[in-house]
Amino acid sequence: KVLVDHGVFEQALYDIKSAIKMNTESTGNGFKSGYASPVSVQSMNLSIVPGEKDLDGLMEQMQNGLVITDLMGLHAGIHFVSTQFSLQASGYKVKDGKRSEPVTLITIAGTFLDLMNHVVAIGNDMDWSYKQVVCPSVLFEKCAVSGE
């Protein structure tokens, strides 16, 4: 199922209950996360189509910037209607296209939809081991960062 094609939203995922509410057909995406859990809409094998460069190639293209390796507070730091986010992050700086010193206790902020309008390149570094949703590295033109 293609959800987004070249930046254009194509379809949503539905289980039977959500499809009835939206007056459409189920996409077969109703799953239980555990025996006692209710059925909910979940994706399976969801990914972004990989690009051509590995992470080192993206850093070379970036020249100077920041690689985010970890985000904290995803359950509370995102407003799912407006797509605004403010999340604690850690990672490392990139200087002259090479990995530099680590950074911790920084905050990245913005709106997800605006961030998606500033994608420069997509990496090819995907790891499917034990995951249902996979995303390669993504190089963004800009994102608000605060902290040391």
N, C-alpha and C. Protein backbone atom coordinates (compact mmCIF):
# COMPACT_ATOMS: atom_id res chain seq x y z
N LYS A 1 0.85 -1.18 0.00
CA LYS A 1 0.00 0.00 0.00
C LYS A 1 0.89 1.23 0.00
N VAL A 2 0.63 2.13 -0.86
CA VAL A 2 1.37 3.39 -0.91
C VAL A 2 0.57 4.42 -0.12
N LEU A 3 1.18 4.97 0.93
CA LEU A 3 0.51 5.97 1.75
C LEU A 3 0.78 7.39 1.25
N VAL A 4 2.02 7.64 0.87
CA VAL A 4 2.42 8.94 0.34
C VAL A 4 3.28 8.67 -0.89
N ASP A 5 2.97 9.34 -2.00
CA ASP A 5 3.72 9.15 -3.23
C ASP A 5 4.26 10.50 -3.71
N HIS A 6 5.58 10.64 -3.67
CA HIS A 6 6.24 11.89 -4.06
C HIS A 6 5.64 13.10 -3.35
N GLY A 7 5.42 12.95 -2.06
CA GLY A 7 4.91 14.04 -1.24
C GLY A 7 3.41 14.24 -1.27
N VAL A 8 2.68 13.39 -1.98
CA VAL A 8 1.23 13.52 -2.07
C VAL A 8 0.57 12.37 -1.30
N PHE A 9 -0.30 12.72 -0.34
CA PHE A 9 -1.00 11.73 0.45
C PHE A 9 -1.91 10.91 -0.47
N GLU A 10 -1.79 9.57 -0.40
CA GLU A 10 -2.57 8.68 -1.26
C GLU A 10 -3.70 7.98 -0.51
N GLN A 11 -3.41 7.41 0.67
CA GLN A 11 -4.44 6.69 1.41
C GLN A 11 -4.07 6.56 2.87
N ALA A 12 -5.08 6.35 3.70
CA ALA A 12 -4.89 6.09 5.12
C ALA A 12 -5.04 4.59 5.37
N LEU A 13 -4.64 4.15 6.53
CA LEU A 13 -4.80 2.75 6.93
C LEU A 13 -6.04 2.63 7.81
N TYR A 14 -6.80 1.54 7.63
CA TYR A 14 -8.02 1.33 8.40
C TYR A 14 -8.14 -0.12 8.85
N ASP A 15 -8.72 -0.31 10.02
CA ASP A 15 -9.23 -1.61 10.40
C ASP A 15 -10.74 -1.56 10.11
N ILE A 16 -11.47 -2.60 10.43
CA ILE A 16 -12.90 -2.62 10.10
C ILE A 16 -13.66 -1.52 10.83
N LYS A 17 -13.37 -1.35 12.11
CA LYS A 17 -14.10 -0.35 12.91
C LYS A 17 -13.84 1.07 12.40
N SER A 18 -12.58 1.40 12.16
CA SER A 18 -12.28 2.76 11.70
C SER A 18 -12.78 2.99 10.27
N ALA A 19 -12.79 1.95 9.44
CA ALA A 19 -13.30 2.07 8.07
C ALA A 19 -14.80 2.38 8.08
N ILE A 20 -15.55 1.73 8.97
CA ILE A 20 -16.99 1.99 9.07
C ILE A 20 -17.22 3.45 9.49
N LYS A 21 -16.42 3.94 10.46
CA LYS A 21 -16.56 5.33 10.92
C LYS A 21 -16.28 6.32 9.79
N MET A 22 -15.36 5.96 8.90
CA MET A 22 -14.97 6.86 7.81
C MET A 22 -15.72 6.58 6.52
N ASN A 23 -16.68 5.65 6.57
CA ASN A 23 -17.49 5.29 5.41
C ASN A 23 -16.63 4.85 4.22
N THR A 24 -15.69 3.95 4.52
CA THR A 24 -14.80 3.42 3.49
C THR A 24 -14.56 1.94 3.77
N GLU A 25 -13.64 1.33 3.06
CA GLU A 25 -13.34 -0.08 3.25
C GLU A 25 -12.07 -0.26 4.07
N SER A 26 -12.00 -1.35 4.81
CA SER A 26 -10.82 -1.68 5.59
C SER A 26 -9.64 -1.95 4.66
N THR A 27 -8.46 -1.53 5.10
CA THR A 27 -7.24 -1.83 4.36
C THR A 27 -6.56 -3.08 4.92
N GLY A 28 -7.21 -3.72 5.90
CA GLY A 28 -6.65 -4.92 6.50
C GLY A 28 -5.55 -4.62 7.50
N ASN A 29 -5.59 -3.47 8.12
CA ASN A 29 -4.54 -3.09 9.05
C ASN A 29 -5.00 -3.08 10.51
N GLY A 30 -5.91 -3.98 10.87
CA GLY A 30 -6.33 -4.12 12.25
C GLY A 30 -5.53 -5.23 12.92
N PHE A 31 -4.78 -4.89 13.96
CA PHE A 31 -3.94 -5.86 14.66
C PHE A 31 -4.05 -5.67 16.16
N LYS A 32 -3.71 -6.71 16.89
CA LYS A 32 -3.65 -6.65 18.34
C LYS A 32 -2.17 -6.69 18.73
N SER A 33 -1.79 -5.84 19.67
CA SER A 33 -0.41 -5.85 20.13
C SER A 33 -0.16 -6.90 21.20
N GLY A 34 -1.22 -7.48 21.70
CA GLY A 34 -1.11 -8.54 22.69
C GLY A 34 -2.43 -9.27 22.82
N TYR A 35 -2.44 -10.38 23.52
CA TYR A 35 -3.63 -11.19 23.65
C TYR A 35 -4.82 -10.42 24.20
N ALA A 36 -4.59 -9.63 25.25
CA ALA A 36 -5.68 -8.91 25.90
C ALA A 36 -5.90 -7.51 25.32
N SER A 37 -5.12 -7.12 24.36
CA SER A 37 -5.23 -5.79 23.76
C SER A 37 -6.38 -5.72 22.76
N PRO A 38 -6.96 -4.54 22.62
CA PRO A 38 -8.00 -4.38 21.60
C PRO A 38 -7.37 -4.28 20.21
N VAL A 39 -8.16 -4.50 19.19
CA VAL A 39 -7.69 -4.34 17.82
C VAL A 39 -7.52 -2.84 17.56
N SER A 40 -6.42 -2.48 16.93
CA SER A 40 -6.18 -1.09 16.57
C SER A 40 -5.49 -1.04 15.20
N VAL A 41 -5.51 0.12 14.60
CA VAL A 41 -4.88 0.30 13.29
C VAL A 41 -3.37 0.36 13.48
N GLN A 42 -2.67 -0.51 12.78
CA GLN A 42 -1.21 -0.55 12.85
C GLN A 42 -0.66 -0.83 11.46
N SER A 43 0.53 -0.34 11.23
CA SER A 43 1.19 -0.62 9.95
C SER A 43 2.07 -1.86 10.08
N MET A 44 2.32 -2.48 8.96
CA MET A 44 3.24 -3.62 8.89
C MET A 44 4.20 -3.38 7.73
N ASN A 45 5.48 -3.53 7.99
CA ASN A 45 6.49 -3.37 6.95
C ASN A 45 6.38 -2.02 6.25
N LEU A 46 6.29 -0.97 7.04
CA LEU A 46 6.17 0.39 6.53
C LEU A 46 7.55 1.01 6.40
N SER A 47 7.82 1.60 5.25
CA SER A 47 9.13 2.22 5.06
C SER A 47 9.05 3.37 4.08
N ILE A 48 10.11 4.16 4.10
CA ILE A 48 10.33 5.20 3.09
C ILE A 48 11.23 4.58 2.04
N VAL A 49 10.96 4.85 0.78
CA VAL A 49 11.80 4.31 -0.29
C VAL A 49 13.21 4.87 -0.11
N PRO A 50 14.21 3.99 -0.02
CA PRO A 50 15.57 4.47 0.21
C PRO A 50 16.13 5.26 -0.97
N GLY A 51 17.07 6.14 -0.64
CA GLY A 51 17.75 6.93 -1.65
C GLY A 51 19.02 6.25 -2.12
N GLU A 52 19.96 7.04 -2.58
CA GLU A 52 21.17 6.50 -3.19
C GLU A 52 22.38 6.53 -2.27
N LYS A 53 22.44 7.47 -1.31
CA LYS A 53 23.63 7.66 -0.49
C LYS A 53 23.50 6.99 0.87
N ASP A 54 24.65 6.54 1.40
CA ASP A 54 24.67 6.05 2.77
C ASP A 54 24.82 7.25 3.71
N LEU A 55 24.88 7.01 5.01
CA LEU A 55 24.96 8.10 5.98
C LEU A 55 26.21 8.95 5.75
N ASP A 56 27.34 8.32 5.45
CA ASP A 56 28.56 9.09 5.19
C ASP A 56 28.38 10.01 3.98
N GLY A 57 27.67 9.54 2.96
CA GLY A 57 27.40 10.36 1.78
C GLY A 57 26.49 11.54 2.11
N LEU A 58 25.51 11.31 2.99
CA LEU A 58 24.63 12.40 3.41
C LEU A 58 25.40 13.44 4.23
N MET A 59 26.31 12.97 5.10
CA MET A 59 27.11 13.91 5.89
C MET A 59 28.04 14.71 4.99
N GLU A 60 28.60 14.08 3.96
CA GLU A 60 29.44 14.80 2.99
C GLU A 60 28.62 15.88 2.28
N GLN A 61 27.39 15.55 1.92
CA GLN A 61 26.52 16.52 1.27
C GLN A 61 26.15 17.65 2.23
N MET A 62 25.93 17.32 3.51
CA MET A 62 25.56 18.30 4.52
C MET A 62 26.71 19.27 4.81
N GLN A 63 27.92 18.78 4.87
CA GLN A 63 29.13 19.52 5.22
C GLN A 63 29.15 19.92 6.69
N ASN A 64 28.27 20.78 7.13
CA ASN A 64 28.24 21.21 8.52
C ASN A 64 26.81 21.17 9.02
N GLY A 65 26.62 20.47 10.13
CA GLY A 65 25.28 20.35 10.67
C GLY A 65 25.23 19.42 11.86
N LEU A 66 24.13 18.72 11.97
CA LEU A 66 23.87 17.90 13.15
C LEU A 66 23.18 16.60 12.73
N VAL A 67 23.63 15.49 13.28
CA VAL A 67 22.96 14.21 13.08
C VAL A 67 22.26 13.86 14.39
N ILE A 68 20.96 13.67 14.32
CA ILE A 68 20.17 13.28 15.50
C ILE A 68 20.13 11.76 15.54
N THR A 69 20.56 11.19 16.65
CA THR A 69 20.56 9.73 16.80
C THR A 69 19.49 9.23 17.76
N ASP A 70 18.96 10.13 18.60
CA ASP A 70 17.97 9.70 19.58
C ASP A 70 17.03 10.85 19.91
N LEU A 71 15.73 10.53 19.97
CA LEU A 71 14.71 11.49 20.36
C LEU A 71 14.00 10.98 21.61
N MET A 72 13.76 11.86 22.56
CA MET A 72 13.06 11.50 23.78
C MET A 72 11.72 12.24 23.84
N GLY A 73 10.72 11.63 24.47
CA GLY A 73 9.45 12.29 24.69
C GLY A 73 8.50 12.25 23.52
N LEU A 74 8.66 11.26 22.63
CA LEU A 74 7.78 11.18 21.47
C LEU A 74 6.32 11.04 21.86
N HIS A 75 6.05 10.45 23.01
CA HIS A 75 4.66 10.26 23.46
C HIS A 75 4.03 11.56 23.93
N ALA A 76 4.85 12.55 24.31
CA ALA A 76 4.29 13.77 24.88
C ALA A 76 4.73 15.03 24.15
N GLY A 77 5.74 14.96 23.33
CA GLY A 77 6.31 16.16 22.72
C GLY A 77 5.79 16.47 21.34
N ILE A 78 4.76 15.74 20.88
CA ILE A 78 4.22 15.98 19.54
C ILE A 78 2.72 16.24 19.65
N HIS A 79 2.26 17.28 18.99
CA HIS A 79 0.83 17.56 18.91
C HIS A 79 0.35 16.94 17.59
N PHE A 80 -0.42 15.88 17.66
CA PHE A 80 -0.75 15.09 16.49
C PHE A 80 -1.70 15.77 15.51
N VAL A 81 -2.37 16.83 15.92
CA VAL A 81 -3.25 17.55 14.99
C VAL A 81 -2.47 18.61 14.22
N SER A 82 -1.73 19.43 14.94
CA SER A 82 -0.98 20.52 14.29
C SER A 82 0.38 20.05 13.77
N THR A 83 0.85 18.91 14.20
CA THR A 83 2.16 18.30 13.91
C THR A 83 3.32 19.09 14.52
N GLN A 84 3.03 20.00 15.45
CA GLN A 84 4.10 20.72 16.14
C GLN A 84 4.83 19.75 17.07
N PHE A 85 6.15 19.93 17.17
CA PHE A 85 6.93 19.08 18.07
C PHE A 85 8.01 19.90 18.76
N SER A 86 8.36 19.46 19.93
CA SER A 86 9.49 19.99 20.69
C SER A 86 10.03 18.81 21.47
N LEU A 87 11.17 18.31 21.04
CA LEU A 87 11.68 17.04 21.58
C LEU A 87 13.13 17.16 22.02
N GLN A 88 13.43 16.55 23.15
CA GLN A 88 14.81 16.46 23.59
C GLN A 88 15.52 15.47 22.67
N ALA A 89 16.75 15.79 22.32
CA ALA A 89 17.48 14.95 21.36
C ALA A 89 18.95 14.86 21.73
N SER A 90 19.61 13.89 21.13
CA SER A 90 21.06 13.77 21.23
C SER A 90 21.58 13.27 19.89
N GLY A 91 22.87 13.42 19.69
CA GLY A 91 23.47 13.01 18.43
C GLY A 91 24.90 13.48 18.36
N TYR A 92 25.31 13.97 17.19
CA TYR A 92 26.67 14.48 17.03
C TYR A 92 26.73 15.52 15.92
N LYS A 93 27.72 16.40 16.07
CA LYS A 93 27.93 17.44 15.07
C LYS A 93 28.66 16.87 13.86
N VAL A 94 28.45 17.50 12.71
CA VAL A 94 29.17 17.18 11.49
C VAL A 94 29.92 18.44 11.07
N LYS A 95 31.24 18.30 10.89
CA LYS A 95 32.07 19.42 10.45
C LYS A 95 32.86 18.97 9.23
N ASP A 96 32.80 19.76 8.18
CA ASP A 96 33.49 19.45 6.93
C ASP A 96 33.14 18.06 6.40
N GLY A 97 31.88 17.67 6.58
CA GLY A 97 31.39 16.39 6.05
C GLY A 97 31.77 15.17 6.87
N LYS A 98 32.38 15.37 8.05
CA LYS A 98 32.82 14.26 8.90
C LYS A 98 32.21 14.38 10.29
N ARG A 99 32.04 13.21 10.92
CA ARG A 99 31.51 13.15 12.29
C ARG A 99 32.45 13.89 13.23
N SER A 100 31.85 14.70 14.11
CA SER A 100 32.61 15.50 15.06
C SER A 100 32.17 15.13 16.48
N GLU A 101 32.13 16.11 17.37
CA GLU A 101 31.85 15.84 18.77
C GLU A 101 30.38 15.53 19.04
N PRO A 102 30.11 14.74 20.10
CA PRO A 102 28.72 14.40 20.45
C PRO A 102 28.00 15.58 21.08
N VAL A 103 26.67 15.56 20.98
CA VAL A 103 25.84 16.56 21.63
C VAL A 103 24.72 15.84 22.38
N THR A 104 24.40 16.36 23.55
CA THR A 104 23.30 15.81 24.35
C THR A 104 22.49 16.96 24.92
N LEU A 105 21.31 16.65 25.40
CA LEU A 105 20.43 17.64 26.04
C LEU A 105 20.16 18.85 25.14
N ILE A 106 19.90 18.58 23.87
CA ILE A 106 19.48 19.64 22.98
C ILE A 106 17.98 19.45 22.71
N THR A 107 17.36 20.45 22.16
CA THR A 107 15.94 20.37 21.81
C THR A 107 15.78 20.73 20.34
N ILE A 108 15.02 19.90 19.62
CA ILE A 108 14.66 20.24 18.25
C ILE A 108 13.17 20.56 18.25
N ALA A 109 12.78 21.52 17.42
CA ALA A 109 11.38 21.96 17.43
C ALA A 109 10.96 22.40 16.03
N GLY A 110 9.66 22.38 15.82
CA GLY A 110 9.09 22.82 14.54
C GLY A 110 7.77 22.13 14.31
N THR A 111 7.37 22.04 13.05
CA THR A 111 6.18 21.28 12.69
C THR A 111 6.61 20.20 11.71
N PHE A 112 6.07 19.02 11.89
CA PHE A 112 6.43 17.89 11.05
C PHE A 112 6.15 18.18 9.57
N LEU A 113 5.00 18.77 9.28
CA LEU A 113 4.66 19.06 7.89
C LEU A 113 5.64 20.04 7.26
N ASP A 114 6.08 21.05 8.01
CA ASP A 114 7.08 21.99 7.50
C ASP A 114 8.42 21.28 7.29
N LEU A 115 8.78 20.41 8.21
CA LEU A 115 10.03 19.65 8.09
C LEU A 115 10.03 18.81 6.82
N MET A 116 8.89 18.20 6.51
CA MET A 116 8.79 17.37 5.31
C MET A 116 8.94 18.18 4.02
N ASN A 117 8.67 19.49 4.10
CA ASN A 117 8.87 20.36 2.95
C ASN A 117 10.32 20.79 2.76
N HIS A 118 11.19 20.38 3.68
CA HIS A 118 12.60 20.74 3.61
C HIS A 118 13.52 19.52 3.54
N VAL A 119 13.03 18.43 2.96
CA VAL A 119 13.86 17.24 2.76
C VAL A 119 14.80 17.50 1.59
N VAL A 120 16.09 17.28 1.82
CA VAL A 120 17.11 17.47 0.79
C VAL A 120 17.46 16.13 0.14
N ALA A 121 17.61 15.08 0.98
CA ALA A 121 18.00 13.77 0.46
C ALA A 121 17.57 12.68 1.43
N ILE A 122 17.39 11.47 0.90
CA ILE A 122 17.04 10.28 1.68
C ILE A 122 18.20 9.30 1.57
N GLY A 123 18.58 8.71 2.69
CA GLY A 123 19.68 7.74 2.69
C GLY A 123 19.22 6.35 2.28
N ASN A 124 20.18 5.43 2.24
CA ASN A 124 19.88 4.04 1.88
C ASN A 124 20.18 3.08 3.03
N ASP A 125 20.34 3.61 4.22
CA ASP A 125 20.75 2.82 5.39
C ASP A 125 19.54 2.35 6.20
N MET A 126 18.91 1.28 5.73
CA MET A 126 17.73 0.76 6.43
C MET A 126 18.07 -0.55 7.12
N ASP A 127 17.57 -0.71 8.34
CA ASP A 127 17.78 -1.93 9.12
C ASP A 127 16.41 -2.49 9.50
N TRP A 128 16.04 -3.61 8.89
CA TRP A 128 14.72 -4.21 9.12
C TRP A 128 14.69 -5.17 10.30
N SER A 129 15.80 -5.40 10.98
CA SER A 129 15.82 -6.41 12.03
C SER A 129 14.86 -6.05 13.17
N TYR A 130 13.85 -6.90 13.34
CA TYR A 130 12.89 -6.80 14.45
C TYR A 130 12.08 -5.51 14.45
N LYS A 131 11.76 -4.99 13.29
CA LYS A 131 10.99 -3.74 13.23
C LYS A 131 9.85 -3.86 12.24
N GLN A 132 8.77 -3.11 12.50
CA GLN A 132 7.64 -3.03 11.58
C GLN A 132 7.66 -1.76 10.76
N VAL A 133 8.32 -0.73 11.29
CA VAL A 133 8.42 0.56 10.61
C VAL A 133 9.90 0.93 10.54
N VAL A 134 10.38 1.22 9.34
CA VAL A 134 11.79 1.51 9.14
C VAL A 134 11.94 2.79 8.32
N CYS A 135 12.89 3.61 8.71
CA CYS A 135 13.16 4.85 7.99
C CYS A 135 14.66 5.00 7.80
N PRO A 136 15.10 5.25 6.58
CA PRO A 136 16.52 5.53 6.38
C PRO A 136 16.85 6.92 6.91
N SER A 137 18.11 7.27 6.92
CA SER A 137 18.51 8.62 7.32
C SER A 137 17.90 9.62 6.36
N VAL A 138 17.50 10.77 6.90
CA VAL A 138 16.89 11.82 6.09
C VAL A 138 17.67 13.11 6.34
N LEU A 139 18.09 13.75 5.27
CA LEU A 139 18.80 15.02 5.35
C LEU A 139 17.79 16.15 5.13
N PHE A 140 17.65 17.01 6.16
CA PHE A 140 16.74 18.15 6.08
C PHE A 140 17.55 19.43 5.86
N GLU A 141 16.95 20.36 5.16
CA GLU A 141 17.60 21.65 4.91
C GLU A 141 17.80 22.42 6.20
N LYS A 142 16.78 22.37 7.07
CA LYS A 142 16.86 23.13 8.32
C LYS A 142 15.89 22.56 9.35
N CYS A 143 16.21 22.83 10.61
CA CYS A 143 15.34 22.50 11.74
C CYS A 143 15.81 23.33 12.92
N ALA A 144 14.88 23.83 13.72
CA ALA A 144 15.25 24.65 14.88
C ALA A 144 15.88 23.77 15.95
N VAL A 145 17.03 24.19 16.44
CA VAL A 145 17.78 23.47 17.47
C VAL A 145 18.16 24.44 18.56
N SER A 146 18.00 24.02 19.82
CA SER A 146 18.48 24.84 20.94
C SER A 146 19.28 23.96 21.89
N GLY A 147 20.21 24.58 22.57
CA GLY A 147 21.07 23.85 23.49
C GLY A 147 22.52 23.92 23.03
N GLU A 148 23.38 23.27 23.77
CA GLU A 148 24.83 23.27 23.47
C GLU A 148 25.18 22.20 22.49
